[in-house]
Amino acid sequence: MSGLTIFLGIVLLIDCVFMVAVILLQKKRESGLGSVGVGSTQGGTFWEKNKGRSMEGKLELYTKISGVVFFVVAALIGFVS
């Protein structure tokens, strides 16, 4: 194993642990697909418009970023080795 492969493996492991922690910190969503279109408004509520500033919005953003990092690093490991 080359040094680059080991480094990428460590980055992947840290990203996996971070992603699990961020996902576990998120609240459950009970609505699911059953509530699509029920009670939704055209303009959205105050909460929907300002969700990015809340902790839940930040956790969702971190989850997306962590997922992208996971796939990029996994592809790089496959390409290098």
C-alpha atoms as a PDB file:
ATOM      1  CA  MET A   1       0.000   0.000   0.000  1.00  0.00           C
ATOM      2  CA  SER A   2       1.276   3.391  -0.906  1.00  0.00           C
ATOM      3  CA  GLY A   3       1.307   6.354   1.432  1.00  0.00           C
ATOM      4  CA  LEU A   4      -1.419   8.079  -0.578  1.00  0.00           C
ATOM      5  CA  THR A   5      -3.731   5.080  -0.236  1.00  0.00           C
ATOM      6  CA  ILE A   6      -3.196   4.989   3.517  1.00  0.00           C
ATOM      7  CA  PHE A   7      -3.833   8.741   3.796  1.00  0.00           C
ATOM      8  CA  LEU A   8      -7.030   8.492   1.746  1.00  0.00           C
ATOM      9  CA  GLY A   9      -8.142   5.535   3.858  1.00  0.00           C
ATOM     10  CA  ILE A  10      -7.701   7.572   7.031  1.00  0.00           C
ATOM     11  CA  VAL A  11      -9.627  10.499   5.492  1.00  0.00           C
ATOM     12  CA  LEU A  12     -12.404   8.078   4.488  1.00  0.00           C
ATOM     13  CA  LEU A  13     -12.566   6.625   8.005  1.00  0.00           C
ATOM     14  CA  ILE A  14     -12.789  10.077   9.607  1.00  0.00           C
ATOM     15  CA  ASP A  15     -15.475  11.089   7.108  1.00  0.00           C
ATOM     16  CA  CYS A  16     -17.482   7.931   7.856  1.00  0.00           C
ATOM     17  CA  VAL A  17     -17.406   8.564  11.601  1.00  0.00           C
ATOM     18  CA  PHE A  18     -18.395  12.216  11.045  1.00  0.00           C
ATOM     19  CA  MET A  19     -21.248  11.233   8.721  1.00  0.00           C
ATOM     20  CA  VAL A  20     -22.643   8.708  11.217  1.00  0.00           C
ATOM     21  CA  ALA A  21     -22.508  11.289  14.019  1.00  0.00           C
ATOM     22  CA  VAL A  22     -24.225  13.970  11.924  1.00  0.00           C
ATOM     23  CA  ILE A  23     -26.968  11.584  10.795  1.00  0.00           C
ATOM     24  CA  LEU A  24     -27.621  10.440  14.352  1.00  0.00           C
ATOM     25  CA  LEU A  25     -27.926  14.051  15.526  1.00  0.00           C
ATOM     26  CA  GLN A  26     -30.738  14.770  13.074  1.00  0.00           C
ATOM     27  CA  LYS A  27     -34.349  14.577  14.194  1.00  0.00           C
ATOM     28  CA  LYS A  28     -36.663  11.886  12.893  1.00  0.00           C
ATOM     29  CA  ARG A  29     -39.110  12.859  10.198  1.00  0.00           C
ATOM     30  CA  GLU A  30     -42.438  11.212  10.743  1.00  0.00           C
ATOM     31  CA  SER A  31     -44.144  12.780   7.737  1.00  0.00           C
ATOM     32  CA  GLY A  32     -42.556  10.747   4.938  1.00  0.00           C
ATOM     33  CA  LEU A  33     -44.223  10.504   1.544  1.00  0.00           C
ATOM     34  CA  GLY A  34     -47.698  10.278   3.036  1.00  0.00           C
ATOM     35  CA  SER A  35     -47.840  13.999   3.682  1.00  0.00           C
ATOM     36  CA  VAL A  36     -46.787  15.171   0.233  1.00  0.00           C
ATOM     37  CA  GLY A  37     -49.139  17.915  -0.849  1.00  0.00           C
ATOM     38  CA  VAL A  38     -51.174  17.883   2.355  1.00  0.00           C
ATOM     39  CA  GLY A  39     -51.193  21.281   3.986  1.00  0.00           C
ATOM     40  CA  SER A  40     -48.388  22.657   1.870  1.00  0.00           C
ATOM     41  CA  THR A  41     -48.522  26.289   0.834  1.00  0.00           C
ATOM     42  CA  GLN A  42     -47.208  27.978  -2.259  1.00  0.00           C
ATOM     43  CA  GLY A  43     -44.992  30.465  -0.465  1.00  0.00           C
ATOM     44  CA  GLY A  44     -43.839  28.207   2.329  1.00  0.00           C
ATOM     45  CA  THR A  45     -43.755  28.914   6.016  1.00  0.00           C
ATOM     46  CA  PHE A  46     -41.298  31.036   7.935  1.00  0.00           C
ATOM     47  CA  TRP A  47     -39.632  27.849   9.165  1.00  0.00           C
ATOM     48  CA  GLU A  48     -39.156  26.486   5.643  1.00  0.00           C
ATOM     49  CA  LYS A  49     -37.657  29.742   4.399  1.00  0.00           C
ATOM     50  CA  ASN A  50     -35.185  30.078   7.299  1.00  0.00           C
ATOM     51  CA  LYS A  51     -34.337  26.414   7.764  1.00  0.00           C
ATOM     52  CA  GLY A  52     -30.771  26.907   6.522  1.00  0.00           C
ATOM     53  CA  ARG A  53     -30.007  29.094   9.518  1.00  0.00           C
ATOM     54  CA  SER A  54     -31.184  26.530  12.060  1.00  0.00           C
ATOM     55  CA  MET A  55     -29.237  23.611  13.480  1.00  0.00           C
ATOM     56  CA  GLU A  56     -31.312  21.137  11.446  1.00  0.00           C
ATOM     57  CA  GLY A  57     -30.480  22.964   8.240  1.00  0.00           C
ATOM     58  CA  LYS A  58     -26.790  22.939   9.073  1.00  0.00           C
ATOM     59  CA  LEU A  59     -26.871  19.226   9.894  1.00  0.00           C
ATOM     60  CA  GLU A  60     -28.499  18.513   6.531  1.00  0.00           C
ATOM     61  CA  LEU A  61     -25.830  20.568   4.780  1.00  0.00           C
ATOM     62  CA  TYR A  62     -23.039  18.747   6.639  1.00  0.00           C
ATOM     63  CA  THR A  63     -24.607  15.412   5.704  1.00  0.00           C
ATOM     64  CA  LYS A  64     -24.645  16.333   2.014  1.00  0.00           C
ATOM     65  CA  ILE A  65     -21.064  17.587   2.084  1.00  0.00           C
ATOM     66  CA  SER A  66     -19.906  14.500   3.959  1.00  0.00           C
ATOM     67  CA  GLY A  67     -21.624  12.245   1.437  1.00  0.00           C
ATOM     68  CA  VAL A  68     -19.920  13.982  -1.478  1.00  0.00           C
ATOM     69  CA  VAL A  69     -16.544  13.748   0.268  1.00  0.00           C
ATOM     70  CA  PHE A  70     -17.182  10.037   0.907  1.00  0.00           C
ATOM     71  CA  PHE A  71     -17.855   9.254  -2.750  1.00  0.00           C
ATOM     72  CA  VAL A  72     -14.951  11.369  -4.028  1.00  0.00           C
ATOM     73  CA  VAL A  73     -12.450   9.824  -1.615  1.00  0.00           C
ATOM     74  CA  ALA A  74     -13.752   6.301  -2.310  1.00  0.00           C
ATOM     75  CA  ALA A  75     -13.373   6.915  -6.067  1.00  0.00           C
ATOM     76  CA  LEU A  76      -9.855   8.262  -5.538  1.00  0.00           C
ATOM     77  CA  ILE A  77      -8.917   5.160  -3.517  1.00  0.00           C
ATOM     78  CA  GLY A  78     -10.218   2.951  -6.300  1.00  0.00           C
ATOM     79  CA  PHE A  79      -8.332   4.955  -8.913  1.00  0.00           C
ATOM     80  CA  VAL A  80      -5.033   5.026  -6.985  1.00  0.00           C
ATOM     81  CA  SER A  81      -4.976   1.356  -6.022  1.00  0.00           C
END
